[in-house]
């Protein structure tokens, strides 16, 4: 049994206990959960069935403010091929805020490729 299946079974057990006892407050206190979580689980079970009780990430998969890949590749190309400093790359038409962010996000992957100035 996977971890997700165990979590779904635990939530179903809590919801069943509350339905049998008809006292949500005592059930939540007994299992050590908040009532907001209980009602969120109950709503998810009613809307999506057992699949709604599975844990999911709350972080979006894509970020609207992410630097486009074309710009990232251009900045890294200038750095790799011409060993340009960040201030020189800014002079080539790139946004001043983008340059440090690109280096920060790619620093661990490209550390061996980027020669320090």
PDB file of N, CA and C in Angstrom:
ATOM      1  N   UNK A   1       0.848  -1.178   0.000  1.00  0.00           N
ATOM      2  CA  UNK A   1       0.000   0.000   0.000  1.00  0.00           C
ATOM      3  C   UNK A   1       0.894   1.241   0.000  1.00  0.00           C
ATOM      4  N   UNK A   2       0.607   2.155  -0.899  1.00  0.00           N
ATOM      5  CA  UNK A   2       1.435   3.355  -1.001  1.00  0.00           C
ATOM      6  C   UNK A   2       1.085   4.355   0.093  1.00  0.00           C
ATOM      7  N   UNK A   3       1.928   5.345   0.202  1.00  0.00           N
ATOM      8  CA  UNK A   3       1.721   6.385   1.210  1.00  0.00           C
ATOM      9  C   UNK A   3       0.431   7.163   0.944  1.00  0.00           C
ATOM     10  N   UNK A   4       0.141   7.436  -0.337  1.00  0.00           N
ATOM     11  CA  UNK A   4      -1.089   8.150  -0.684  1.00  0.00           C
ATOM     12  C   UNK A   4      -2.325   7.336  -0.321  1.00  0.00           C
ATOM     13  N   UNK A   5      -2.270   6.039  -0.565  1.00  0.00           N
ATOM     14  CA  UNK A   5      -3.409   5.183  -0.221  1.00  0.00           C
ATOM     15  C   UNK A   5      -3.620   5.129   1.290  1.00  0.00           C
ATOM     16  N   UNK A   6      -2.536   5.100   2.046  1.00  0.00           N
ATOM     17  CA  UNK A   6      -2.660   5.112   3.505  1.00  0.00           C
ATOM     18  C   UNK A   6      -3.294   6.413   3.991  1.00  0.00           C
ATOM     19  N   UNK A   7      -2.884   7.522   3.372  1.00  0.00           N
ATOM     20  CA  UNK A   7      -3.436   8.822   3.769  1.00  0.00           C
ATOM     21  C   UNK A   7      -4.926   8.902   3.427  1.00  0.00           C
ATOM     22  N   UNK A   8      -5.306   8.374   2.281  1.00  0.00           N
ATOM     23  CA  UNK A   8      -6.719   8.367   1.898  1.00  0.00           C
ATOM     24  C   UNK A   8      -7.520   7.510   2.870  1.00  0.00           C
ATOM     25  N   UNK A   9      -6.989   6.346   3.241  1.00  0.00           N
ATOM     26  CA  UNK A   9      -7.699   5.482   4.199  1.00  0.00           C
ATOM     27  C   UNK A   9      -7.857   6.161   5.551  1.00  0.00           C
ATOM     28  N   UNK A  10      -6.817   6.882   5.979  1.00  0.00           N
ATOM     29  CA  UNK A  10      -6.893   7.589   7.265  1.00  0.00           C
ATOM     30  C   UNK A  10      -7.988   8.654   7.231  1.00  0.00           C
ATOM     31  N   UNK A  11      -8.031   9.415   6.136  1.00  0.00           N
ATOM     32  CA  UNK A  11      -9.045  10.459   6.021  1.00  0.00           C
ATOM     33  C   UNK A  11     -10.449   9.866   5.939  1.00  0.00           C
ATOM     34  N   UNK A  12     -10.594   8.756   5.218  1.00  0.00           N
ATOM     35  CA  UNK A  12     -11.899   8.090   5.149  1.00  0.00           C
ATOM     36  C   UNK A  12     -12.330   7.577   6.514  1.00  0.00           C
ATOM     37  N   UNK A  13     -11.380   7.040   7.286  1.00  0.00           N
ATOM     38  CA  UNK A  13     -11.697   6.557   8.630  1.00  0.00           C
ATOM     39  C   UNK A  13     -12.185   7.702   9.510  1.00  0.00           C
ATOM     40  N   UNK A  14     -11.549   8.847   9.396  1.00  0.00           N
ATOM     41  CA  UNK A  14     -11.963  10.013  10.188  1.00  0.00           C
ATOM     42  C   UNK A  14     -13.359  10.469   9.762  1.00  0.00           C
ATOM     43  N   UNK A  15     -13.594  10.543   8.445  1.00  0.00           N
ATOM     44  CA  UNK A  15     -14.910  10.971   7.953  1.00  0.00           C
ATOM     45  C   UNK A  15     -16.001   9.979   8.347  1.00  0.00           C
ATOM     46  N   UNK A  16     -15.704   8.686   8.298  1.00  0.00           N
ATOM     47  CA  UNK A  16     -16.685   7.678   8.714  1.00  0.00           C
ATOM     48  C   UNK A  16     -16.980   7.773  10.203  1.00  0.00           C
ATOM     49  N   UNK A  17     -15.949   8.003  10.993  1.00  0.00           N
ATOM     50  CA  UNK A  17     -16.139   8.135  12.439  1.00  0.00           C
ATOM     51  C   UNK A  17     -17.044   9.327  12.756  1.00  0.00           C
ATOM     52  N   UNK A  18     -16.840  10.427  12.048  1.00  0.00           N
ATOM     53  CA  UNK A  18     -17.671  11.612  12.274  1.00  0.00           C
ATOM     54  C   UNK A  18     -19.117  11.349  11.857  1.00  0.00           C
ATOM     55  N   UNK A  19     -19.301  10.611  10.772  1.00  0.00           N
ATOM     56  CA  UNK A  19     -20.667  10.298  10.327  1.00  0.00           C
ATOM     57  C   UNK A  19     -21.359   9.382  11.332  1.00  0.00           C
ATOM     58  N   UNK A  20     -20.608   8.435  11.910  1.00  0.00           N
ATOM     59  CA  UNK A  20     -21.199   7.511  12.877  1.00  0.00           C
ATOM     60  C   UNK A  20     -21.507   8.194  14.204  1.00  0.00           C
ATOM     61  N   UNK A  21     -20.639   9.076  14.634  1.00  0.00           N
ATOM     62  CA  UNK A  21     -20.841   9.723  15.930  1.00  0.00           C
ATOM     63  C   UNK A  21     -21.687  10.978  15.820  1.00  0.00           C
ATOM     64  N   UNK A  22     -21.782  11.529  14.630  1.00  0.00           N
ATOM     65  CA  UNK A  22     -22.532  12.769  14.341  1.00  0.00           C
ATOM     66  C   UNK A  22     -22.083  13.952  15.206  1.00  0.00           C
ATOM     67  N   UNK A  23     -20.821  13.927  15.620  1.00  0.00           N
ATOM     68  CA  UNK A  23     -20.257  15.051  16.366  1.00  0.00           C
ATOM     69  C   UNK A  23     -18.866  15.348  15.799  1.00  0.00           C
ATOM     70  N   UNK A  24     -18.791  16.358  14.972  1.00  0.00           N
ATOM     71  CA  UNK A  24     -17.553  16.698  14.277  1.00  0.00           C
ATOM     72  C   UNK A  24     -16.490  17.192  15.252  1.00  0.00           C
ATOM     73  N   UNK A  25     -16.874  18.006  16.208  1.00  0.00           N
ATOM     74  CA  UNK A  25     -15.903  18.560  17.155  1.00  0.00           C
ATOM     75  C   UNK A  25     -15.185  17.466  17.937  1.00  0.00           C
ATOM     76  N   UNK A  26     -15.934  16.491  18.451  1.00  0.00           N
ATOM     77  CA  UNK A  26     -15.318  15.406  19.217  1.00  0.00           C
ATOM     78  C   UNK A  26     -14.434  14.537  18.328  1.00  0.00           C
ATOM     79  N   UNK A  27     -14.874  14.308  17.103  1.00  0.00           N
ATOM     80  CA  UNK A  27     -14.075  13.512  16.177  1.00  0.00           C
ATOM     81  C   UNK A  27     -12.752  14.203  15.881  1.00  0.00           C
ATOM     82  N   UNK A  28     -12.807  15.485  15.603  1.00  0.00           N
ATOM     83  CA  UNK A  28     -11.584  16.233  15.302  1.00  0.00           C
ATOM     84  C   UNK A  28     -10.656  16.265  16.499  1.00  0.00           C
ATOM     85  N   UNK A  29     -11.210  16.430  17.670  1.00  0.00           N
ATOM     86  CA  UNK A  29     -10.400  16.443  18.876  1.00  0.00           C
ATOM     87  C   UNK A  29      -9.759  15.070  19.109  1.00  0.00           C
ATOM     88  N   UNK A  30     -10.531  14.008  18.879  1.00  0.00           N
ATOM     89  CA  UNK A  30     -10.037  12.643  19.085  1.00  0.00           C
ATOM     90  C   UNK A  30      -8.882  12.313  18.133  1.00  0.00           C
ATOM     91  N   UNK A  31      -9.014  12.699  16.866  1.00  0.00           N
ATOM     92  CA  UNK A  31      -7.981  12.393  15.875  1.00  0.00           C
ATOM     93  C   UNK A  31      -6.894  13.466  15.799  1.00  0.00           C
ATOM     94  N   UNK A  32      -7.080  14.579  16.473  1.00  0.00           N
ATOM     95  CA  UNK A  32      -6.054  15.621  16.504  1.00  0.00           C
ATOM     96  C   UNK A  32      -5.939  16.412  15.211  1.00  0.00           C
ATOM     97  N   UNK A  33      -7.064  16.694  14.585  1.00  0.00           N
ATOM     98  CA  UNK A  33      -7.061  17.487  13.356  1.00  0.00           C
ATOM     99  C   UNK A  33      -7.940  18.717  13.554  1.00  0.00           C
ATOM    100  N   UNK A  34      -7.769  19.687  12.706  1.00  0.00           N
ATOM    101  CA  UNK A  34      -8.593  20.884  12.765  1.00  0.00           C
ATOM    102  C   UNK A  34      -9.928  20.681  12.049  1.00  0.00           C
ATOM    103  N   UNK A  35     -10.932  21.408  12.491  1.00  0.00           N
ATOM    104  CA  UNK A  35     -12.240  21.278  11.838  1.00  0.00           C
ATOM    105  C   UNK A  35     -12.201  21.792  10.410  1.00  0.00           C
ATOM    106  N   UNK A  36     -11.366  22.782  10.137  1.00  0.00           N
ATOM    107  CA  UNK A  36     -11.257  23.286   8.770  1.00  0.00           C
ATOM    108  C   UNK A  36     -10.745  22.187   7.834  1.00  0.00           C
ATOM    109  N   UNK A  37      -9.782  21.410   8.310  1.00  0.00           N
ATOM    110  CA  UNK A  37      -9.284  20.284   7.508  1.00  0.00           C
ATOM    111  C   UNK A  37     -10.372  19.248   7.303  1.00  0.00           C
ATOM    112  N   UNK A  38     -11.120  18.959   8.364  1.00  0.00           N
ATOM    113  CA  UNK A  38     -12.204  17.981   8.246  1.00  0.00           C
ATOM    114  C   UNK A  38     -13.219  18.406   7.193  1.00  0.00           C
ATOM    115  N   UNK A  39     -13.654  19.645   7.256  1.00  0.00           N
ATOM    116  CA  UNK A  39     -14.657  20.104   6.294  1.00  0.00           C
ATOM    117  C   UNK A  39     -14.087  20.187   4.873  1.00  0.00           C
ATOM    118  N   UNK A  40     -12.804  20.506   4.752  1.00  0.00           N
ATOM    119  CA  UNK A  40     -12.166  20.516   3.438  1.00  0.00           C
ATOM    120  C   UNK A  40     -12.138  19.106   2.860  1.00  0.00           C
ATOM    121  N   UNK A  41     -11.815  18.103   3.681  1.00  0.00           N
ATOM    122  CA  UNK A  41     -11.810  16.713   3.225  1.00  0.00           C
ATOM    123  C   UNK A  41     -13.209  16.248   2.858  1.00  0.00           C
ATOM    124  N   UNK A  42     -14.187  16.616   3.675  1.00  0.00           N
ATOM    125  CA  UNK A  42     -15.571  16.205   3.404  1.00  0.00           C
ATOM    126  C   UNK A  42     -16.058  16.801   2.088  1.00  0.00           C
ATOM    127  N   UNK A  43     -15.725  18.056   1.839  1.00  0.00           N
ATOM    128  CA  UNK A  43     -16.105  18.718   0.593  1.00  0.00           C
ATOM    129  C   UNK A  43     -15.384  18.062  -0.595  1.00  0.00           C
ATOM    130  N   UNK A  44     -14.102  17.730  -0.433  1.00  0.00           N
ATOM    131  CA  UNK A  44     -13.350  17.089  -1.515  1.00  0.00           C
ATOM    132  C   UNK A  44     -13.906  15.699  -1.812  1.00  0.00           C
ATOM    133  N   UNK A  45     -14.310  14.956  -0.784  1.00  0.00           N
ATOM    134  CA  UNK A  45     -14.882  13.632  -0.989  1.00  0.00           C
ATOM    135  C   UNK A  45     -16.218  13.727  -1.717  1.00  0.00           C
ATOM    136  N   UNK A  46     -17.026  14.709  -1.377  1.00  0.00           N
ATOM    137  CA  UNK A  46     -18.321  14.884  -2.036  1.00  0.00           C
ATOM    138  C   UNK A  46     -18.142  15.301  -3.496  1.00  0.00           C
ATOM    139  N   UNK A  47     -17.141  16.137  -3.776  1.00  0.00           N
ATOM    140  CA  UNK A  47     -16.945  16.638  -5.141  1.00  0.00           C
ATOM    141  C   UNK A  47     -16.225  15.648  -6.049  1.00  0.00           C
ATOM    142  N   UNK A  48     -15.108  15.088  -5.565  1.00  0.00           N
ATOM    143  CA  UNK A  48     -14.241  14.294  -6.440  1.00  0.00           C
ATOM    144  C   UNK A  48     -14.087  12.841  -6.018  1.00  0.00           C
ATOM    145  N   UNK A  49     -14.781  12.425  -4.990  1.00  0.00           N
ATOM    146  CA  UNK A  49     -14.656  11.043  -4.530  1.00  0.00           C
ATOM    147  C   UNK A  49     -13.349  10.838  -3.774  1.00  0.00           C
ATOM    148  N   UNK A  50     -12.908   9.587  -3.720  1.00  0.00           N
ATOM    149  CA  UNK A  50     -11.683   9.273  -2.972  1.00  0.00           C
ATOM    150  C   UNK A  50     -10.452   9.948  -3.565  1.00  0.00           C
ATOM    151  N   UNK A  51     -10.451  10.201  -4.854  1.00  0.00           N
ATOM    152  CA  UNK A  51      -9.311  10.873  -5.485  1.00  0.00           C
ATOM    153  C   UNK A  51      -9.128  12.285  -4.928  1.00  0.00           C
ATOM    154  N   UNK A  52     -10.199  12.903  -4.457  1.00  0.00           N
ATOM    155  CA  UNK A  52     -10.106  14.234  -3.880  1.00  0.00           C
ATOM    156  C   UNK A  52      -9.401  14.271  -2.541  1.00  0.00           C
ATOM    157  N   UNK A  53      -9.260  13.108  -1.908  1.00  0.00           N
ATOM    158  CA  UNK A  53      -8.600  13.046  -0.603  1.00  0.00           C
ATOM    159  C   UNK A  53      -7.088  12.870  -0.708  1.00  0.00           C
ATOM    160  N   UNK A  54      -6.595  12.650  -1.905  1.00  0.00           N
ATOM    161  CA  UNK A  54      -5.148  12.475  -2.081  1.00  0.00           C
ATOM    162  C   UNK A  54      -4.432  13.798  -1.847  1.00  0.00           C
ATOM    163  N   UNK A  55      -3.252  13.714  -1.246  1.00  0.00           N
ATOM    164  CA  UNK A  55      -2.440  14.917  -1.030  1.00  0.00           C
ATOM    165  C   UNK A  55      -1.922  15.408  -2.366  1.00  0.00           C
ATOM    166  N   UNK A  56      -1.937  16.710  -2.564  1.00  0.00           N
ATOM    167  CA  UNK A  56      -1.408  17.277  -3.797  1.00  0.00           C
ATOM    168  C   UNK A  56      -0.605  18.518  -3.465  1.00  0.00           C
ATOM    169  N   UNK A  57       0.235  18.912  -4.395  1.00  0.00           N
ATOM    170  CA  UNK A  57       1.076  20.093  -4.193  1.00  0.00           C
ATOM    171  C   UNK A  57       0.226  21.348  -4.287  1.00  0.00           C
ATOM    172  N   UNK A  58       0.552  22.306  -3.455  1.00  0.00           N
ATOM    173  CA  UNK A  58      -0.167  23.570  -3.502  1.00  0.00           C
ATOM    174  C   UNK A  58       0.554  24.605  -4.355  1.00  0.00           C
ATOM    175  N   UNK A  59       1.737  24.248  -4.848  1.00  0.00           N
ATOM    176  CA  UNK A  59       2.541  25.166  -5.649  1.00  0.00           C
ATOM    177  C   UNK A  59       2.204  24.969  -7.122  1.00  0.00           C
ATOM    178  N   UNK A  60       2.023  26.035  -7.876  1.00  0.00           N
ATOM    179  CA  UNK A  60       1.740  25.860  -9.305  1.00  0.00           C
ATOM    180  C   UNK A  60       2.949  25.274 -10.037  1.00  0.00           C
ATOM    181  N   UNK A  61       2.680  24.575 -11.131  1.00  0.00           N
ATOM    182  CA  UNK A  61       3.756  23.945 -11.891  1.00  0.00           C
ATOM    183  C   UNK A  61       4.491  24.930 -12.778  1.00  0.00           C
ATOM    184  N   UNK A  62       3.846  26.006 -13.158  1.00  0.00           N
ATOM    185  CA  UNK A  62       4.525  27.023 -13.965  1.00  0.00           C
ATOM    186  C   UNK A  62       4.312  28.382 -13.307  1.00  0.00           C
ATOM    187  N   UNK A  63       5.307  29.202 -13.366  1.00  0.00           N
ATOM    188  CA  UNK A  63       5.269  30.494 -12.717  1.00  0.00           C
ATOM    189  C   UNK A  63       5.134  31.587 -13.776  1.00  0.00           C
ATOM    190  N   UNK A  64       4.211  32.517 -13.604  1.00  0.00           N
ATOM    191  CA  UNK A  64       4.002  33.541 -14.629  1.00  0.00           C
ATOM    192  C   UNK A  64       5.167  34.506 -14.797  1.00  0.00           C
ATOM    193  N   UNK A  65       5.987  34.689 -13.766  1.00  0.00           N
ATOM    194  CA  UNK A  65       7.099  35.635 -13.843  1.00  0.00           C
ATOM    195  C   UNK A  65       8.425  34.971 -14.206  1.00  0.00           C
ATOM    196  N   UNK A  66       8.361  33.751 -14.652  1.00  0.00           N
ATOM    197  CA  UNK A  66       9.587  33.029 -14.992  1.00  0.00           C
ATOM    198  C   UNK A  66      10.244  33.659 -16.218  1.00  0.00           C
ATOM    199  N   UNK A  67      11.564  33.717 -16.194  1.00  0.00           N
ATOM    200  CA  UNK A  67      12.327  34.248 -17.324  1.00  0.00           C
ATOM    201  C   UNK A  67      12.179  33.292 -18.500  1.00  0.00           C
ATOM    202  N   UNK A  68      11.820  33.785 -19.668  1.00  0.00           N
ATOM    203  CA  UNK A  68      11.668  32.898 -20.825  1.00  0.00           C
ATOM    204  C   UNK A  68      12.968  32.150 -21.128  1.00  0.00           C
ATOM    205  N   UNK A  69      12.823  30.931 -21.611  1.00  0.00           N
ATOM    206  CA  UNK A  69      13.980  30.072 -21.861  1.00  0.00           C
ATOM    207  C   UNK A  69      14.925  30.667 -22.901  1.00  0.00           C
ATOM    208  N   UNK A  70      14.379  31.378 -23.883  1.00  0.00           N
ATOM    209  CA  UNK A  70      15.228  31.981 -24.921  1.00  0.00           C
ATOM    210  C   UNK A  70      16.181  33.017 -24.319  1.00  0.00           C
ATOM    211  N   UNK A  71      15.672  33.828 -23.393  1.00  0.00           N
ATOM    212  CA  UNK A  71      16.509  34.847 -22.756  1.00  0.00           C
ATOM    213  C   UNK A  71      17.553  34.183 -21.852  1.00  0.00           C
ATOM    214  N   UNK A  72      17.137  33.159 -21.121  1.00  0.00           N
ATOM    215  CA  UNK A  72      18.072  32.441 -20.260  1.00  0.00           C
ATOM    216  C   UNK A  72      19.216  31.854 -21.078  1.00  0.00           C
ATOM    217  N   UNK A  73      18.870  31.230 -22.182  1.00  0.00           N
ATOM    218  CA  UNK A  73      19.904  30.633 -23.025  1.00  0.00           C
ATOM    219  C   UNK A  73      20.822  31.690 -23.632  1.00  0.00           C
ATOM    220  N   UNK A  74      20.271  32.846 -24.001  1.00  0.00           N
ATOM    221  CA  UNK A  74      21.094  33.918 -24.568  1.00  0.00           C
ATOM    222  C   UNK A  74      22.101  34.432 -23.537  1.00  0.00           C
ATOM    223  N   UNK A  75      21.631  34.657 -22.316  1.00  0.00           N
ATOM    224  CA  UNK A  75      22.510  35.147 -21.252  1.00  0.00           C
ATOM    225  C   UNK A  75      23.615  34.135 -20.971  1.00  0.00           C
ATOM    226  N   UNK A  76      23.252  32.862 -20.849  1.00  0.00           N
ATOM    227  CA  UNK A  76      24.258  31.842 -20.567  1.00  0.00           C
ATOM    228  C   UNK A  76      25.216  31.658 -21.740  1.00  0.00           C
ATOM    229  N   UNK A  77      24.724  31.815 -22.956  1.00  0.00           N
ATOM    230  CA  UNK A  77      25.592  31.739 -24.130  1.00  0.00           C
ATOM    231  C   UNK A  77      26.637  32.860 -24.105  1.00  0.00           C
ATOM    232  N   UNK A  78      26.215  34.091 -23.804  1.00  0.00           N
ATOM    233  CA  UNK A  78      27.155  35.208 -23.728  1.00  0.00           C
ATOM    234  C   UNK A  78      28.192  34.965 -22.635  1.00  0.00           C
ATOM    235  N   UNK A  79      27.754  34.387 -21.539  1.00  0.00           N
ATOM    236  CA  UNK A  79      28.669  34.133 -20.427  1.00  0.00           C
ATOM    237  C   UNK A  79      29.663  33.030 -20.781  1.00  0.00           C
ATOM    238  N   UNK A  80      29.166  31.942 -21.401  1.00  0.00           N
ATOM    239  CA  UNK A  80      30.039  30.805 -21.719  1.00  0.00           C
ATOM    240  C   UNK A  80      31.013  31.112 -22.855  1.00  0.00           C
ATOM    241  N   UNK A  81      30.500  31.672 -23.936  1.00  0.00           N
ATOM    242  CA  UNK A  81      31.313  31.843 -25.131  1.00  0.00           C
ATOM    243  C   UNK A  81      32.258  33.046 -25.051  1.00  0.00           C
ATOM    244  N   UNK A  82      31.785  34.129 -24.489  1.00  0.00           N
ATOM    245  CA  UNK A  82      32.579  35.363 -24.483  1.00  0.00           C
ATOM    246  C   UNK A  82      33.074  35.751 -23.093  1.00  0.00           C
ATOM    247  N   UNK A  83      32.755  34.952 -22.085  1.00  0.00           N
ATOM    248  CA  UNK A  83      33.164  35.198 -20.700  1.00  0.00           C
ATOM    249  C   UNK A  83      32.799  36.612 -20.253  1.00  0.00           C
ATOM    250  N   UNK A  84      31.623  37.028 -20.633  1.00  0.00           N
ATOM    251  CA  UNK A  84      31.180  38.378 -20.309  1.00  0.00           C
ATOM    252  C   UNK A  84      30.743  38.477 -18.859  1.00  0.00           C
ATOM    253  N   UNK A  85      31.043  39.611 -18.251  1.00  0.00           N
ATOM    254  CA  UNK A  85      30.589  39.898 -16.901  1.00  0.00           C
ATOM    255  C   UNK A  85      29.115  40.290 -16.960  1.00  0.00           C
ATOM    256  N   UNK A  86      28.387  40.158 -15.845  1.00  0.00           N
ATOM    257  CA  UNK A  86      26.970  40.524 -15.855  1.00  0.00           C
ATOM    258  C   UNK A  86      26.716  41.948 -16.344  1.00  0.00           C
ATOM    259  N   UNK A  87      27.578  42.908 -16.014  1.00  0.00           N
ATOM    260  CA  UNK A  87      27.355  44.284 -16.439  1.00  0.00           C
ATOM    261  C   UNK A  87      27.513  44.418 -17.953  1.00  0.00           C
ATOM    262  N   UNK A  88      28.386  43.634 -18.561  1.00  0.00           N
ATOM    263  CA  UNK A  88      28.544  43.658 -20.021  1.00  0.00           C
ATOM    264  C   UNK A  88      27.347  43.018 -20.707  1.00  0.00           C
ATOM    265  N   UNK A  89      26.779  42.009 -20.088  1.00  0.00           N
ATOM    266  CA  UNK A  89      25.595  41.368 -20.664  1.00  0.00           C
ATOM    267  C   UNK A  89      24.423  42.326 -20.631  1.00  0.00           C
ATOM    268  N   UNK A  90      24.322  43.116 -19.574  1.00  0.00           N
ATOM    269  CA  UNK A  90      23.266  44.122 -19.494  1.00  0.00           C
ATOM    270  C   UNK A  90      23.424  45.110 -20.647  1.00  0.00           C
ATOM    271  N   UNK A  91      24.657  45.443 -20.991  1.00  0.00           N
ATOM    272  CA  UNK A  91      24.907  46.351 -22.098  1.00  0.00           C
ATOM    273  C   UNK A  91      24.500  45.776 -23.445  1.00  0.00           C
ATOM    274  N   UNK A  92      24.316  44.449 -23.516  1.00  0.00           N
ATOM    275  CA  UNK A  92      23.918  43.833 -24.780  1.00  0.00           C
ATOM    276  C   UNK A  92      22.409  43.812 -24.971  1.00  0.00           C
ATOM    277  N   UNK A  93      21.683  44.501 -24.113  1.00  0.00           N
ATOM    278  CA  UNK A  93      20.244  44.650 -24.313  1.00  0.00           C
ATOM    279  C   UNK A  93      19.361  43.836 -23.383  1.00  0.00           C
ATOM    280  N   UNK A  94      19.922  43.175 -22.381  1.00  0.00           N
ATOM    281  CA  UNK A  94      19.121  42.374 -21.466  1.00  0.00           C
ATOM    282  C   UNK A  94      18.727  43.211 -20.249  1.00  0.00           C
ATOM    283  N   UNK A  95      17.632  42.828 -19.637  1.00  0.00           N
ATOM    284  CA  UNK A  95      17.121  43.492 -18.451  1.00  0.00           C
ATOM    285  C   UNK A  95      18.086  43.266 -17.278  1.00  0.00           C
ATOM    286  N   UNK A  96      18.343  44.305 -16.507  1.00  0.00           N
ATOM    287  CA  UNK A  96      19.304  44.219 -15.409  1.00  0.00           C
ATOM    288  C   UNK A  96      18.849  43.260 -14.307  1.00  0.00           C
ATOM    289  N   UNK A  97      17.542  43.083 -14.130  1.00  0.00           N
ATOM    290  CA  UNK A  97      17.041  42.196 -13.085  1.00  0.00           C
ATOM    291  C   UNK A  97      17.163  40.736 -13.501  1.00  0.00           C
ATOM    292  N   UNK A  98      17.080  40.462 -14.779  1.00  0.00           N
ATOM    293  CA  UNK A  98      17.090  39.089 -15.268  1.00  0.00           C
ATOM    294  C   UNK A  98      18.450  38.431 -15.084  1.00  0.00           C
ATOM    295  N   UNK A  99      19.524  39.161 -15.288  1.00  0.00           N
ATOM    296  CA  UNK A  99      20.870  38.589 -15.311  1.00  0.00           C
ATOM    297  C   UNK A  99      21.224  37.898 -13.988  1.00  0.00           C
ATOM    298  N   UNK A 100      21.139  38.569 -12.835  1.00  0.00           N
ATOM    299  CA  UNK A 100      21.482  37.880 -11.586  1.00  0.00           C
ATOM    300  C   UNK A 100      20.577  36.687 -11.306  1.00  0.00           C
ATOM    301  N   UNK A 101      19.301  36.796 -11.679  1.00  0.00           N
ATOM    302  CA  UNK A 101      18.374  35.703 -11.429  1.00  0.00           C
ATOM    303  C   UNK A 101      18.755  34.473 -12.257  1.00  0.00           C
ATOM    304  N   UNK A 102      19.146  34.692 -13.497  1.00  0.00           N
ATOM    305  CA  UNK A 102      19.565  33.577 -14.350  1.00  0.00           C
ATOM    306  C   UNK A 102      20.796  32.911 -13.760  1.00  0.00           C
ATOM    307  N   UNK A 103      21.774  33.702 -13.337  1.00  0.00           N
ATOM    308  CA  UNK A 103      22.987  33.130 -12.752  1.00  0.00           C
ATOM    309  C   UNK A 103      22.674  32.405 -11.449  1.00  0.00           C
ATOM    310  N   UNK A 104      21.772  32.968 -10.648  1.00  0.00           N
ATOM    311  CA  UNK A 104      21.421  32.344  -9.374  1.00  0.00           C
ATOM    312  C   UNK A 104      20.731  31.003  -9.600  1.00  0.00           C
ATOM    313  N   UNK A 105      19.762  30.963 -10.520  1.00  0.00           N
ATOM    314  CA  UNK A 105      19.013  29.731 -10.748  1.00  0.00           C
ATOM    315  C   UNK A 105      19.847  28.658 -11.422  1.00  0.00           C
ATOM    316  N   UNK A 106      20.807  29.063 -12.215  1.00  0.00           N
ATOM    317  CA  UNK A 106      21.623  28.090 -12.941  1.00  0.00           C
ATOM    318  C   UNK A 106      22.992  27.868 -12.316  1.00  0.00           C
ATOM    319  N   UNK A 107      23.256  28.448 -11.156  1.00  0.00           N
ATOM    320  CA  UNK A 107      24.617  28.422 -10.625  1.00  0.00           C
ATOM    321  C   UNK A 107      25.110  27.019 -10.307  1.00  0.00           C
ATOM    322  N   UNK A 108      24.255  26.159  -9.774  1.00  0.00           N
ATOM    323  CA  UNK A 108      24.739  24.839  -9.402  1.00  0.00           C
ATOM    324  C   UNK A 108      24.934  23.952 -10.621  1.00  0.00           C
ATOM    325  N   UNK A 109      24.049  24.066 -11.609  1.00  0.00           N
ATOM    326  CA  UNK A 109      24.154  23.210 -12.788  1.00  0.00           C
ATOM    327  C   UNK A 109      25.299  23.645 -13.692  1.00  0.00           C
ATOM    328  N   UNK A 110      25.541  24.953 -13.782  1.00  0.00           N
ATOM    329  CA  UNK A 110      26.527  25.468 -14.722  1.00  0.00           C
ATOM    330  C   UNK A 110      27.817  25.932 -14.057  1.00  0.00           C
ATOM    331  N   UNK A 111      28.023  25.585 -12.819  1.00  0.00           N
ATOM    332  CA  UNK A 111      29.190  26.091 -12.093  1.00  0.00           C
ATOM    333  C   UNK A 111      30.493  25.681 -12.773  1.00  0.00           C
ATOM    334  N   UNK A 112      30.567  24.490 -13.297  1.00  0.00           N
ATOM    335  CA  UNK A 112      31.796  24.029 -13.930  1.00  0.00           C
ATOM    336  C   UNK A 112      31.988  24.670 -15.301  1.00  0.00           C
ATOM    337  N   UNK A 113      30.876  25.009 -15.965  1.00  0.00           N
ATOM    338  CA  UNK A 113      30.968  25.558 -17.305  1.00  0.00           C
ATOM    339  C   UNK A 113      31.283  27.041 -17.303  1.00  0.00           C
ATOM    340  N   UNK A 114      30.843  27.764 -16.291  1.00  0.00           N
ATOM    341  CA  UNK A 114      31.017  29.213 -16.267  1.00  0.00           C
ATOM    342  C   UNK A 114      32.332  29.564 -15.596  1.00  0.00           C
ATOM    343  N   UNK A 115      33.223  30.119 -16.316  1.00  0.00           N
ATOM    344  CA  UNK A 115      34.525  30.489 -15.781  1.00  0.00           C
ATOM    345  C   UNK A 115      34.384  31.781 -14.980  1.00  0.00           C
ATOM    346  N   UNK A 116      34.876  31.843 -13.761  1.00  0.00           N
ATOM    347  CA  UNK A 116      34.760  33.072 -12.968  1.00  0.00           C
ATOM    348  C   UNK A 116      35.592  34.183 -13.579  1.00  0.00           C
ATOM    349  N   UNK A 117      35.137  35.402 -13.342  1.00  0.00           N
ATOM    350  CA  UNK A 117      35.863  36.571 -13.869  1.00  0.00           C
ATOM    351  C   UNK A 117      36.897  37.053 -12.898  1.00  0.00           C
TER     352      UNK A 117
END
